[in-house]
Amino acid sequence: MSSIYKVLTEEEWEHAISLGYIVTKLDNDDGFIHLSTSKQLALTLHLYFKNSKKVILLEIDQDSIDEIVFEEAKSGSRLGKFPHLYGKLLIQNVKKDWTLKRNGFDLPKKVLEELEE
């Protein structure tokens, strides 16, 4: 099974470490935890984190979570089924974490959308 990922701001990651689980405003508002496959990750970063200088990328141990459902995107520009977690995403479900710094090149949104086709 391929990996799934969660992107957080540094503040969200620090808060998650102190709580023992990951929680974001967007996830709370939508009623589930947004996750991405590796194929969906570039456009997720572009759409939701384009103004961030640094983010935390988490690789999630999908086999340790039963409540993940792959559902069609609810926004018009995204294609395919996205992993959504209906339950808590515990710190212990994180296999690996990376700090990503913004680099000098940014692919156009149109090119990133084509990655998801």
PDB file of N, CA and C in Angstrom:
ATOM      1  N   MET A   1       0.846  -1.176   0.000  1.00  0.00           N
ATOM      2  CA  MET A   1       0.000   0.000   0.000  1.00  0.00           C
ATOM      3  C   MET A   1       0.893   1.242   0.000  1.00  0.00           C
ATOM      4  N   SER A   2       0.527   2.231  -0.811  1.00  0.00           N
ATOM      5  CA  SER A   2       1.350   3.440  -0.887  1.00  0.00           C
ATOM      6  C   SER A   2       1.133   4.334   0.329  1.00  0.00           C
ATOM      7  N   SER A   3       2.062   5.212   0.521  1.00  0.00           N
ATOM      8  CA  SER A   3       2.007   6.089   1.693  1.00  0.00           C
ATOM      9  C   SER A   3       0.999   7.210   1.503  1.00  0.00           C
ATOM     10  N   ILE A   4       0.540   7.736   2.615  1.00  0.00           N
ATOM     11  CA  ILE A   4      -0.290   8.931   2.614  1.00  0.00           C
ATOM     12  C   ILE A   4       0.402   9.963   3.500  1.00  0.00           C
ATOM     13  N   TYR A   5       0.045  11.214   3.264  1.00  0.00           N
ATOM     14  CA  TYR A   5       0.774  12.309   3.890  1.00  0.00           C
ATOM     15  C   TYR A   5      -0.168  13.348   4.474  1.00  0.00           C
ATOM     16  N   LYS A   6       0.346  14.075   5.451  1.00  0.00           N
ATOM     17  CA  LYS A   6      -0.328  15.213   6.065  1.00  0.00           C
ATOM     18  C   LYS A   6       0.678  16.349   6.097  1.00  0.00           C
ATOM     19  N   VAL A   7       0.220  17.540   5.704  1.00  0.00           N
ATOM     20  CA  VAL A   7       1.069  18.724   5.747  1.00  0.00           C
ATOM     21  C   VAL A   7       0.550  19.640   6.842  1.00  0.00           C
ATOM     22  N   LEU A   8       1.464  20.148   7.657  1.00  0.00           N
ATOM     23  CA  LEU A   8       1.116  21.036   8.764  1.00  0.00           C
ATOM     24  C   LEU A   8       2.040  22.242   8.779  1.00  0.00           C
ATOM     25  N   THR A   9       1.569  23.302   9.375  1.00  0.00           N
ATOM     26  CA  THR A   9       2.466  24.409   9.673  1.00  0.00           C
ATOM     27  C   THR A   9       3.318  23.987  10.869  1.00  0.00           C
ATOM     28  N   GLU A  10       4.391  24.712  11.103  1.00  0.00           N
ATOM     29  CA  GLU A  10       5.230  24.409  12.271  1.00  0.00           C
ATOM     30  C   GLU A  10       4.434  24.533  13.564  1.00  0.00           C
ATOM     31  N   GLU A  11       3.571  25.539  13.634  1.00  0.00           N
ATOM     32  CA  GLU A  11       2.761  25.758  14.838  1.00  0.00           C
ATOM     33  C   GLU A  11       1.790  24.599  15.062  1.00  0.00           C
ATOM     34  N   GLU A  12       1.165  24.120  13.979  1.00  0.00           N
ATOM     35  CA  GLU A  12       0.247  22.983  14.105  1.00  0.00           C
ATOM     36  C   GLU A  12       0.978  21.730  14.567  1.00  0.00           C
ATOM     37  N   TRP A  13       2.194  21.516  14.069  1.00  0.00           N
ATOM     38  CA  TRP A  13       2.984  20.352  14.456  1.00  0.00           C
ATOM     39  C   TRP A  13       3.386  20.431  15.929  1.00  0.00           C
ATOM     40  N   GLU A  14       3.841  21.588  16.374  1.00  0.00           N
ATOM     41  CA  GLU A  14       4.209  21.762  17.785  1.00  0.00           C
ATOM     42  C   GLU A  14       3.002  21.523  18.688  1.00  0.00           C
ATOM     43  N   HIS A  15       1.847  22.039  18.276  1.00  0.00           N
ATOM     44  CA  HIS A  15       0.612  21.842  19.051  1.00  0.00           C
ATOM     45  C   HIS A  15       0.258  20.346  19.091  1.00  0.00           C
ATOM     46  N   ALA A  16       0.387  19.663  17.955  1.00  0.00           N
ATOM     47  CA  ALA A  16       0.077  18.239  17.888  1.00  0.00           C
ATOM     48  C   ALA A  16       0.976  17.424  18.812  1.00  0.00           C
ATOM     49  N   ILE A  17       2.246  17.751  18.832  1.00  0.00           N
ATOM     50  CA  ILE A  17       3.182  17.035  19.710  1.00  0.00           C
ATOM     51  C   ILE A  17       2.771  17.185  21.170  1.00  0.00           C
ATOM     52  N   SER A  18       2.340  18.388  21.543  1.00  0.00           N
ATOM     53  CA  SER A  18       1.936  18.603  22.941  1.00  0.00           C
ATOM     54  C   SER A  18       0.629  17.877  23.272  1.00  0.00           C
ATOM     55  N   LEU A  19      -0.276  17.720  22.289  1.00  0.00           N
ATOM     56  CA  LEU A  19      -1.558  17.040  22.512  1.00  0.00           C
ATOM     57  C   LEU A  19      -1.455  15.522  22.392  1.00  0.00           C
ATOM     58  N   GLY A  20      -0.549  15.064  21.509  1.00  0.00           N
ATOM     59  CA  GLY A  20      -0.448  13.639  21.221  1.00  0.00           C
ATOM     60  C   GLY A  20      -1.237  13.243  19.978  1.00  0.00           C
ATOM     61  N   TYR A  21      -1.922  14.199  19.367  1.00  0.00           N
ATOM     62  CA  TYR A  21      -2.656  13.952  18.128  1.00  0.00           C
ATOM     63  C   TYR A  21      -2.715  15.247  17.315  1.00  0.00           C
ATOM     64  N   ILE A  22      -3.009  15.087  16.034  1.00  0.00           N
ATOM     65  CA  ILE A  22      -2.982  16.216  15.103  1.00  0.00           C
ATOM     66  C   ILE A  22      -4.382  16.782  14.928  1.00  0.00           C
ATOM     67  N   VAL A  23      -4.466  18.095  15.055  1.00  0.00           N
ATOM     68  CA  VAL A  23      -5.738  18.781  14.856  1.00  0.00           C
ATOM     69  C   VAL A  23      -5.461  20.108  14.170  1.00  0.00           C
ATOM     70  N   THR A  24      -6.251  20.422  13.130  1.00  0.00           N
ATOM     71  CA  THR A  24      -6.128  21.715  12.453  1.00  0.00           C
ATOM     72  C   THR A  24      -7.510  22.334  12.342  1.00  0.00           C
ATOM     73  N   LYS A  25      -7.564  23.624  12.120  1.00  0.00           N
ATOM     74  CA  LYS A  25      -8.844  24.324  11.968  1.00  0.00           C
ATOM     75  C   LYS A  25      -9.618  23.783  10.770  1.00  0.00           C
ATOM     76  N   LEU A  26      -8.940  23.601   9.631  1.00  0.00           N
ATOM     77  CA  LEU A  26      -9.604  23.092   8.427  1.00  0.00           C
ATOM     78  C   LEU A  26     -10.205  21.709   8.677  1.00  0.00           C
ATOM     79  N   ASP A  27      -9.445  20.842   9.317  1.00  0.00           N
ATOM     80  CA  ASP A  27      -9.948  19.500   9.621  1.00  0.00           C
ATOM     81  C   ASP A  27     -11.156  19.559  10.551  1.00  0.00           C
ATOM     82  N   ASN A  28     -11.083  20.388  11.576  1.00  0.00           N
ATOM     83  CA  ASN A  28     -12.223  20.548  12.490  1.00  0.00           C
ATOM     84  C   ASN A  28     -13.448  21.073  11.759  1.00  0.00           C
ATOM     85  N   ASP A  29     -13.249  22.078  10.907  1.00  0.00           N
ATOM     86  CA  ASP A  29     -14.360  22.672  10.164  1.00  0.00           C
ATOM     87  C   ASP A  29     -15.021  21.669   9.226  1.00  0.00           C
ATOM     88  N   ASP A  30     -14.215  20.806   8.588  1.00  0.00           N
ATOM     89  CA  ASP A  30     -14.754  19.856   7.607  1.00  0.00           C
ATOM     90  C   ASP A  30     -15.205  18.535   8.217  1.00  0.00           C
ATOM     91  N   GLY A  31     -14.833  18.265   9.452  1.00  0.00           N
ATOM     92  CA  GLY A  31     -15.294  17.052  10.127  1.00  0.00           C
ATOM     93  C   GLY A  31     -14.476  15.807   9.833  1.00  0.00           C
ATOM     94  N   PHE A  32     -13.337  15.970   9.208  1.00  0.00           N
ATOM     95  CA  PHE A  32     -12.426  14.846   8.956  1.00  0.00           C
ATOM     96  C   PHE A  32     -11.022  15.400   8.760  1.00  0.00           C
ATOM     97  N   ILE A  33     -10.041  14.512   8.795  1.00  0.00           N
ATOM     98  CA  ILE A  33      -8.655  14.932   8.628  1.00  0.00           C
ATOM     99  C   ILE A  33      -8.272  14.763   7.163  1.00  0.00           C
ATOM    100  N   HIS A  34      -7.828  15.859   6.561  1.00  0.00           N
ATOM    101  CA  HIS A  34      -7.392  15.869   5.173  1.00  0.00           C
ATOM    102  C   HIS A  34      -6.011  15.252   5.053  1.00  0.00           C
ATOM    103  N   LEU A  35      -5.879  14.305   4.143  1.00  0.00           N
ATOM    104  CA  LEU A  35      -4.604  13.665   3.850  1.00  0.00           C
ATOM    105  C   LEU A  35      -4.403  13.684   2.334  1.00  0.00           C
ATOM    106  N   SER A  36      -3.200  13.403   1.885  1.00  0.00           N
ATOM    107  CA  SER A  36      -2.903  13.376   0.455  1.00  0.00           C
ATOM    108  C   SER A  36      -2.058  12.160   0.120  1.00  0.00           C
ATOM    109  N   THR A  37      -2.236  11.667  -1.097  1.00  0.00           N
ATOM    110  CA  THR A  37      -1.307  10.661  -1.618  1.00  0.00           C
ATOM    111  C   THR A  37      -0.095  11.411  -2.151  1.00  0.00           C
ATOM    112  N   SER A  38       0.945  10.691  -2.511  1.00  0.00           N
ATOM    113  CA  SER A  38       2.139  11.348  -3.052  1.00  0.00           C
ATOM    114  C   SER A  38       1.798  12.073  -4.355  1.00  0.00           C
ATOM    115  N   LYS A  39       0.885  11.527  -5.140  1.00  0.00           N
ATOM    116  CA  LYS A  39       0.473  12.143  -6.402  1.00  0.00           C
ATOM    117  C   LYS A  39      -0.258  13.464  -6.168  1.00  0.00           C
ATOM    118  N   GLN A  40      -0.952  13.599  -5.065  1.00  0.00           N
ATOM    119  CA  GLN A  40      -1.761  14.781  -4.764  1.00  0.00           C
ATOM    120  C   GLN A  40      -0.991  15.844  -3.988  1.00  0.00           C
ATOM    121  N   LEU A  41       0.168  15.491  -3.497  1.00  0.00           N
ATOM    122  CA  LEU A  41       0.900  16.335  -2.555  1.00  0.00           C
ATOM    123  C   LEU A  41       1.332  17.682  -3.130  1.00  0.00           C
ATOM    124  N   ALA A  42       1.824  17.720  -4.353  1.00  0.00           N
ATOM    125  CA  ALA A  42       2.323  18.974  -4.932  1.00  0.00           C
ATOM    126  C   ALA A  42       1.226  20.027  -5.022  1.00  0.00           C
ATOM    127  N   LEU A  43       0.038  19.635  -5.479  1.00  0.00           N
ATOM    128  CA  LEU A  43      -1.047  20.611  -5.594  1.00  0.00           C
ATOM    129  C   LEU A  43      -1.586  20.995  -4.216  1.00  0.00           C
ATOM    130  N   THR A  44      -1.603  20.066  -3.282  1.00  0.00           N
ATOM    131  CA  THR A  44      -2.002  20.396  -1.905  1.00  0.00           C
ATOM    132  C   THR A  44      -1.088  21.480  -1.338  1.00  0.00           C
ATOM    133  N   LEU A  45       0.209  21.313  -1.517  1.00  0.00           N
ATOM    134  CA  LEU A  45       1.170  22.319  -1.041  1.00  0.00           C
ATOM    135  C   LEU A  45       0.926  23.661  -1.720  1.00  0.00           C
ATOM    136  N   HIS A  46       0.688  23.636  -3.023  1.00  0.00           N
ATOM    137  CA  HIS A  46       0.467  24.868  -3.781  1.00  0.00           C
ATOM    138  C   HIS A  46      -0.810  25.588  -3.336  1.00  0.00           C
ATOM    139  N   LEU A  47      -1.884  24.853  -3.165  1.00  0.00           N
ATOM    140  CA  LEU A  47      -3.177  25.472  -2.855  1.00  0.00           C
ATOM    141  C   LEU A  47      -3.280  25.970  -1.417  1.00  0.00           C
ATOM    142  N   TYR A  48      -2.738  25.205  -0.477  1.00  0.00           N
ATOM    143  CA  TYR A  48      -2.988  25.505   0.931  1.00  0.00           C
ATOM    144  C   TYR A  48      -1.780  26.055   1.686  1.00  0.00           C
ATOM    145  N   PHE A  49      -0.587  25.949   1.116  1.00  0.00           N
ATOM    146  CA  PHE A  49       0.608  26.355   1.850  1.00  0.00           C
ATOM    147  C   PHE A  49       1.529  27.249   1.027  1.00  0.00           C
ATOM    148  N   LYS A  50       1.008  27.859  -0.025  1.00  0.00           N
ATOM    149  CA  LYS A  50       1.864  28.644  -0.916  1.00  0.00           C
ATOM    150  C   LYS A  50       2.467  29.867  -0.252  1.00  0.00           C
ATOM    151  N   ASN A  51       1.892  30.332   0.843  1.00  0.00           N
ATOM    152  CA  ASN A  51       2.442  31.494   1.542  1.00  0.00           C
ATOM    153  C   ASN A  51       3.327  31.121   2.727  1.00  0.00           C
ATOM    154  N   SER A  52       3.498  29.837   2.939  1.00  0.00           N
ATOM    155  CA  SER A  52       4.320  29.373   4.060  1.00  0.00           C
ATOM    156  C   SER A  52       5.779  29.270   3.634  1.00  0.00           C
ATOM    157  N   LYS A  53       6.667  29.719   4.484  1.00  0.00           N
ATOM    158  CA  LYS A  53       8.107  29.603   4.225  1.00  0.00           C
ATOM    159  C   LYS A  53       8.618  28.195   4.544  1.00  0.00           C
ATOM    160  N   LYS A  54       7.931  27.547   5.487  1.00  0.00           N
ATOM    161  CA  LYS A  54       8.357  26.237   5.953  1.00  0.00           C
ATOM    162  C   LYS A  54       7.113  25.464   6.396  1.00  0.00           C
ATOM    163  N   VAL A  55       7.063  24.176   6.079  1.00  0.00           N
ATOM    164  CA  VAL A  55       5.970  23.312   6.534  1.00  0.00           C
ATOM    165  C   VAL A  55       6.558  21.989   7.017  1.00  0.00           C
ATOM    166  N   ILE A  56       5.728  21.227   7.704  1.00  0.00           N
ATOM    167  CA  ILE A  56       6.107  19.900   8.169  1.00  0.00           C
ATOM    168  C   ILE A  56       5.316  18.885   7.348  1.00  0.00           C
ATOM    169  N   LEU A  57       6.035  17.968   6.736  1.00  0.00           N
ATOM    170  CA  LEU A  57       5.411  16.893   5.966  1.00  0.00           C
ATOM    171  C   LEU A  57       5.486  15.618   6.793  1.00  0.00           C
ATOM    172  N   LEU A  58       4.347  14.998   6.992  1.00  0.00           N
ATOM    173  CA  LEU A  58       4.268  13.773   7.783  1.00  0.00           C
ATOM    174  C   LEU A  58       3.910  12.594   6.887  1.00  0.00           C
ATOM    175  N   GLU A  59       4.655  11.519   6.991  1.00  0.00           N
ATOM    176  CA  GLU A  59       4.280  10.269   6.337  1.00  0.00           C
ATOM    177  C   GLU A  59       3.484   9.470   7.358  1.00  0.00           C
ATOM    178  N   ILE A  60       2.294   9.060   6.976  1.00  0.00           N
ATOM    179  CA  ILE A  60       1.375   8.393   7.894  1.00  0.00           C
ATOM    180  C   ILE A  60       1.403   6.886   7.662  1.00  0.00           C
ATOM    181  N   ASP A  61       1.420   6.138   8.749  1.00  0.00           N
ATOM    182  CA  ASP A  61       1.362   4.688   8.693  1.00  0.00           C
ATOM    183  C   ASP A  61      -0.101   4.283   8.466  1.00  0.00           C
ATOM    184  N   GLN A  62      -0.462   4.171   7.201  1.00  0.00           N
ATOM    185  CA  GLN A  62      -1.848   3.896   6.827  1.00  0.00           C
ATOM    186  C   GLN A  62      -2.347   2.565   7.385  1.00  0.00           C
ATOM    187  N   ASP A  63      -1.470   1.593   7.517  1.00  0.00           N
ATOM    188  CA  ASP A  63      -1.874   0.277   8.016  1.00  0.00           C
ATOM    189  C   ASP A  63      -2.281   0.294   9.487  1.00  0.00           C
ATOM    190  N   SER A  64      -1.899   1.343  10.212  1.00  0.00           N
ATOM    191  CA  SER A  64      -2.226   1.409  11.641  1.00  0.00           C
ATOM    192  C   SER A  64      -3.538   2.154  11.915  1.00  0.00           C
ATOM    193  N   ILE A  65      -4.238   2.567  10.836  1.00  0.00           N
ATOM    194  CA  ILE A  65      -5.467   3.353  10.994  1.00  0.00           C
ATOM    195  C   ILE A  65      -6.595   2.697  10.206  1.00  0.00           C
ATOM    196  N   ASP A  66      -7.706   2.419  10.870  1.00  0.00           N
ATOM    197  CA  ASP A  66      -8.844   1.771  10.211  1.00  0.00           C
ATOM    198  C   ASP A  66      -9.835   2.748   9.590  1.00  0.00           C
ATOM    199  N   GLU A  67      -9.856   3.990  10.055  1.00  0.00           N
ATOM    200  CA  GLU A  67     -10.917   4.919   9.682  1.00  0.00           C
ATOM    201  C   GLU A  67     -10.634   5.751   8.434  1.00  0.00           C
ATOM    202  N   ILE A  68      -9.644   5.386   7.625  1.00  0.00           N
ATOM    203  CA  ILE A  68      -9.340   6.159   6.422  1.00  0.00           C
ATOM    204  C   ILE A  68     -10.271   5.729   5.297  1.00  0.00           C
ATOM    205  N   VAL A  69     -10.875   6.730   4.659  1.00  0.00           N
ATOM    206  CA  VAL A  69     -11.790   6.503   3.550  1.00  0.00           C
ATOM    207  C   VAL A  69     -11.293   7.332   2.369  1.00  0.00           C
ATOM    208  N   PHE A  70     -11.259   6.740   1.188  1.00  0.00           N
ATOM    209  CA  PHE A  70     -10.891   7.473  -0.018  1.00  0.00           C
ATOM    210  C   PHE A  70     -12.168   8.006  -0.658  1.00  0.00           C
ATOM    211  N   GLU A  71     -12.258   9.348  -0.728  1.00  0.00           N
ATOM    212  CA  GLU A  71     -13.473   9.991  -1.226  1.00  0.00           C
ATOM    213  C   GLU A  71     -13.126  11.003  -2.315  1.00  0.00           C
ATOM    214  N   GLU A  72     -14.090  11.219  -3.214  1.00  0.00           N
ATOM    215  CA  GLU A  72     -13.932  12.227  -4.253  1.00  0.00           C
ATOM    216  C   GLU A  72     -13.713  13.587  -3.608  1.00  0.00           C
ATOM    217  N   ALA A  73     -12.893  14.398  -4.253  1.00  0.00           N
ATOM    218  CA  ALA A  73     -12.617  15.747  -3.751  1.00  0.00           C
ATOM    219  C   ALA A  73     -13.898  16.571  -3.766  1.00  0.00           C
ATOM    220  N   LYS A  74     -14.050  17.413  -2.762  1.00  0.00           N
ATOM    221  CA  LYS A  74     -15.236  18.254  -2.665  1.00  0.00           C
ATOM    222  C   LYS A  74     -15.034  19.611  -3.340  1.00  0.00           C
ATOM    223  N   SER A  75     -13.792  19.942  -3.688  1.00  0.00           N
ATOM    224  CA  SER A  75     -13.536  21.201  -4.389  1.00  0.00           C
ATOM    225  C   SER A  75     -13.499  20.927  -5.889  1.00  0.00           C
ATOM    226  N   GLY A  76     -13.908  21.912  -6.665  1.00  0.00           N
ATOM    227  CA  GLY A  76     -14.046  21.739  -8.100  1.00  0.00           C
ATOM    228  C   GLY A  76     -12.766  21.480  -8.863  1.00  0.00           C
ATOM    229  N   SER A  77     -11.630  21.993  -8.407  1.00  0.00           N
ATOM    230  CA  SER A  77     -10.403  21.885  -9.185  1.00  0.00           C
ATOM    231  C   SER A  77      -9.598  20.614  -8.915  1.00  0.00           C
ATOM    232  N   ARG A  78      -9.935  19.879  -7.893  1.00  0.00           N
ATOM    233  CA  ARG A  78      -9.176  18.671  -7.548  1.00  0.00           C
ATOM    234  C   ARG A  78      -9.851  17.445  -8.143  1.00  0.00           C
ATOM    235  N   LEU A  79      -9.035  16.515  -8.602  1.00  0.00           N
ATOM    236  CA  LEU A  79      -9.538  15.291  -9.217  1.00  0.00           C
ATOM    237  C   LEU A  79      -9.102  14.082  -8.409  1.00  0.00           C
ATOM    238  N   GLY A  80      -9.892  13.038  -8.480  1.00  0.00           N
ATOM    239  CA  GLY A  80      -9.515  11.792  -7.837  1.00  0.00           C
ATOM    240  C   GLY A  80     -10.057  11.665  -6.424  1.00  0.00           C
ATOM    241  N   LYS A  81      -9.718  10.547  -5.835  1.00  0.00           N
ATOM    242  CA  LYS A  81     -10.160  10.247  -4.474  1.00  0.00           C
ATOM    243  C   LYS A  81      -9.043  10.587  -3.506  1.00  0.00           C
ATOM    244  N   PHE A  82      -9.433  11.252  -2.431  1.00  0.00           N
ATOM    245  CA  PHE A  82      -8.483  11.706  -1.420  1.00  0.00           C
ATOM    246  C   PHE A  82      -8.682  10.908  -0.141  1.00  0.00           C
ATOM    247  N   PRO A  83      -7.579  10.593   0.544  1.00  0.00           N
ATOM    248  CA  PRO A  83      -7.703   9.914   1.828  1.00  0.00           C
ATOM    249  C   PRO A  83      -8.195  10.885   2.904  1.00  0.00           C
ATOM    250  N   HIS A  84      -9.273  10.508   3.554  1.00  0.00           N
ATOM    251  CA  HIS A  84      -9.842  11.283   4.658  1.00  0.00           C
ATOM    252  C   HIS A  84      -9.892  10.381   5.878  1.00  0.00           C
ATOM    253  N   LEU A  85      -9.517  10.914   6.995  1.00  0.00           N
ATOM    254  CA  LEU A  85      -9.536  10.156   8.242  1.00  0.00           C
ATOM    255  C   LEU A  85     -10.686  10.647   9.103  1.00  0.00           C
ATOM    256  N   TYR A  86     -11.586   9.731   9.435  1.00  0.00           N
ATOM    257  CA  TYR A  86     -12.681  10.024  10.338  1.00  0.00           C
ATOM    258  C   TYR A  86     -12.314   9.431  11.692  1.00  0.00           C
ATOM    259  N   GLY A  87     -11.591  10.196  12.452  1.00  0.00           N
ATOM    260  CA  GLY A  87     -11.087   9.762  13.744  1.00  0.00           C
ATOM    261  C   GLY A  87      -9.869  10.604  14.067  1.00  0.00           C
ATOM    262  N   LYS A  88      -9.154  10.237  15.107  1.00  0.00           N
ATOM    263  CA  LYS A  88      -7.965  10.997  15.506  1.00  0.00           C
ATOM    264  C   LYS A  88      -6.732  10.492  14.777  1.00  0.00           C
ATOM    265  N   LEU A  89      -5.900  11.445  14.387  1.00  0.00           N
ATOM    266  CA  LEU A  89      -4.598  11.116  13.822  1.00  0.00           C
ATOM    267  C   LEU A  89      -3.579  11.287  14.941  1.00  0.00           C
ATOM    268  N   LEU A  90      -3.173  10.165  15.502  1.00  0.00           N
ATOM    269  CA  LEU A  90      -2.260  10.168  16.640  1.00  0.00           C
ATOM    270  C   LEU A  90      -0.821  10.358  16.186  1.00  0.00           C
ATOM    271  N   ILE A  91      -0.030  10.956  17.026  1.00  0.00           N
ATOM    272  CA  ILE A  91       1.395  11.120  16.741  1.00  0.00           C
ATOM    273  C   ILE A  91       2.039   9.758  16.482  1.00  0.00           C
ATOM    274  N   GLN A  92       1.586   8.728  17.157  1.00  0.00           N
ATOM    275  CA  GLN A  92       2.156   7.392  16.971  1.00  0.00           C
ATOM    276  C   GLN A  92       1.867   6.821  15.581  1.00  0.00           C
ATOM    277  N   ASN A  93       0.920   7.417  14.821  1.00  0.00           N
ATOM    278  CA  ASN A  93       0.624   6.993  13.454  1.00  0.00           C
ATOM    279  C   ASN A  93       1.570   7.614  12.427  1.00  0.00           C
ATOM    280  N   VAL A  94       2.448   8.508  12.882  1.00  0.00           N
ATOM    281  CA  VAL A  94       3.399   9.170  11.987  1.00  0.00           C
ATOM    282  C   VAL A  94       4.643   8.288  11.851  1.00  0.00           C
ATOM    283  N   LYS A  95       4.942   7.883  10.602  1.00  0.00           N
ATOM    284  CA  LYS A  95       6.122   7.058  10.337  1.00  0.00           C
ATOM    285  C   LYS A  95       7.378   7.914  10.234  1.00  0.00           C
ATOM    286  N   LYS A  96       7.247   9.076   9.615  1.00  0.00           N
ATOM    287  CA  LYS A  96       8.403   9.927   9.372  1.00  0.00           C
ATOM    288  C   LYS A  96       7.925  11.360   9.219  1.00  0.00           C
ATOM    289  N   ASP A  97       8.783  12.300   9.600  1.00  0.00           N
ATOM    290  CA  ASP A  97       8.457  13.712   9.393  1.00  0.00           C
ATOM    291  C   ASP A  97       9.648  14.425   8.782  1.00  0.00           C
ATOM    292  N   TRP A  98       9.338  15.408   7.934  1.00  0.00           N
ATOM    293  CA  TRP A  98      10.355  16.231   7.289  1.00  0.00           C
ATOM    294  C   TRP A  98       9.961  17.698   7.439  1.00  0.00           C
ATOM    295  N   THR A  99      10.948  18.547   7.551  1.00  0.00           N
ATOM    296  CA  THR A  99      10.717  19.985   7.471  1.00  0.00           C
ATOM    297  C   THR A  99      11.031  20.394   6.035  1.00  0.00           C
ATOM    298  N   LEU A 100      10.036  20.970   5.358  1.00  0.00           N
ATOM    299  CA  LEU A 100      10.210  21.416   3.980  1.00  0.00           C
ATOM    300  C   LEU A 100      10.327  22.930   3.960  1.00  0.00           C
ATOM    301  N   LYS A 101      11.364  23.408   3.291  1.00  0.00           N
ATOM    302  CA  LYS A 101      11.546  24.853   3.129  1.00  0.00           C
ATOM    303  C   LYS A 101      11.185  25.223   1.707  1.00  0.00           C
ATOM    304  N   ARG A 102      10.564  26.391   1.558  1.00  0.00           N
ATOM    305  CA  ARG A 102      10.189  26.863   0.229  1.00  0.00           C
ATOM    306  C   ARG A 102      11.450  27.088  -0.592  1.00  0.00           C
ATOM    307  N   ASN A 103      11.427  26.562  -1.806  1.00  0.00           N
ATOM    308  CA  ASN A 103      12.538  26.752  -2.730  1.00  0.00           C
ATOM    309  C   ASN A 103      12.166  27.823  -3.755  1.00  0.00           C
ATOM    310  N   GLY A 104      13.068  28.140  -4.638  1.00  0.00           N
ATOM    311  CA  GLY A 104      12.901  29.241  -5.572  1.00  0.00           C
ATOM    312  C   GLY A 104      11.951  28.989  -6.726  1.00  0.00           C
ATOM    313  N   PHE A 105      11.636  27.733  -7.059  1.00  0.00           N
ATOM    314  CA  PHE A 105      10.791  27.438  -8.209  1.00  0.00           C
ATOM    315  C   PHE A 105       9.423  26.974  -7.752  1.00  0.00           C
ATOM    316  N   ASP A 106       8.416  27.434  -8.475  1.00  0.00           N
ATOM    317  CA  ASP A 106       7.044  27.066  -8.163  1.00  0.00           C
ATOM    318  C   ASP A 106       6.353  26.711  -9.472  1.00  0.00           C
ATOM    319  N   LEU A 107       5.912  25.467  -9.615  1.00  0.00           N
ATOM    320  CA  LEU A 107       5.223  25.064 -10.834  1.00  0.00           C
ATOM    321  C   LEU A 107       3.861  25.749 -10.924  1.00  0.00           C
ATOM    322  N   PRO A 108       3.419  26.078 -12.140  1.00  0.00           N
ATOM    323  CA  PRO A 108       2.094  26.677 -12.306  1.00  0.00           C
ATOM    324  C   PRO A 108       1.000  25.714 -11.860  1.00  0.00           C
ATOM    325  N   LYS A 109      -0.097  26.251 -11.367  1.00  0.00           N
ATOM    326  CA  LYS A 109      -1.214  25.451 -10.878  1.00  0.00           C
ATOM    327  C   LYS A 109      -1.705  24.489 -11.956  1.00  0.00           C
ATOM    328  N   LYS A 110      -1.769  24.916 -13.205  1.00  0.00           N
ATOM    329  CA  LYS A 110      -2.232  24.062 -14.297  1.00  0.00           C
ATOM    330  C   LYS A 110      -1.380  22.797 -14.403  1.00  0.00           C
ATOM    331  N   VAL A 111      -0.077  22.935 -14.286  1.00  0.00           N
ATOM    332  CA  VAL A 111       0.814  21.768 -14.358  1.00  0.00           C
ATOM    333  C   VAL A 111       0.577  20.858 -13.155  1.00  0.00           C
ATOM    334  N   LEU A 112       0.407  21.443 -11.999  1.00  0.00           N
ATOM    335  CA  LEU A 112       0.161  20.641 -10.788  1.00  0.00           C
ATOM    336  C   LEU A 112      -1.169  19.891 -10.891  1.00  0.00           C
ATOM    337  N   GLU A 113      -2.187  20.514 -11.463  1.00  0.00           N
ATOM    338  CA  GLU A 113      -3.485  19.844 -11.642  1.00  0.00           C
ATOM    339  C   GLU A 113      -3.350  18.644 -12.563  1.00  0.00           C
ATOM    340  N   GLU A 114      -2.506  18.758 -13.582  1.00  0.00           N
ATOM    341  CA  GLU A 114      -2.305  17.642 -14.504  1.00  0.00           C
ATOM    342  C   GLU A 114      -1.681  16.431 -13.821  1.00  0.00           C
ATOM    343  N   LEU A 115      -0.947  16.630 -12.756  1.00  0.00           N
ATOM    344  CA  LEU A 115      -0.367  15.519 -12.000  1.00  0.00           C
ATOM    345  C   LEU A 115      -1.450  14.625 -11.397  1.00  0.00           C
ATOM    346  N   GLU A 116      -2.608  15.205 -11.101  1.00  0.00           N
ATOM    347  CA  GLU A 116      -3.681  14.453 -10.461  1.00  0.00           C
ATOM    348  C   GLU A 116      -4.601  13.756 -11.460  1.00  0.00           C
ATOM    349  N   GLU A 117      -4.425  13.994 -12.739  1.00  0.00           N
ATOM    350  CA  GLU A 117      -5.305  13.376 -13.742  1.00  0.00           C
ATOM    351  C   GLU A 117      -5.037  11.902 -13.890  1.00  0.00           C
TER     352      GLU A 117
END
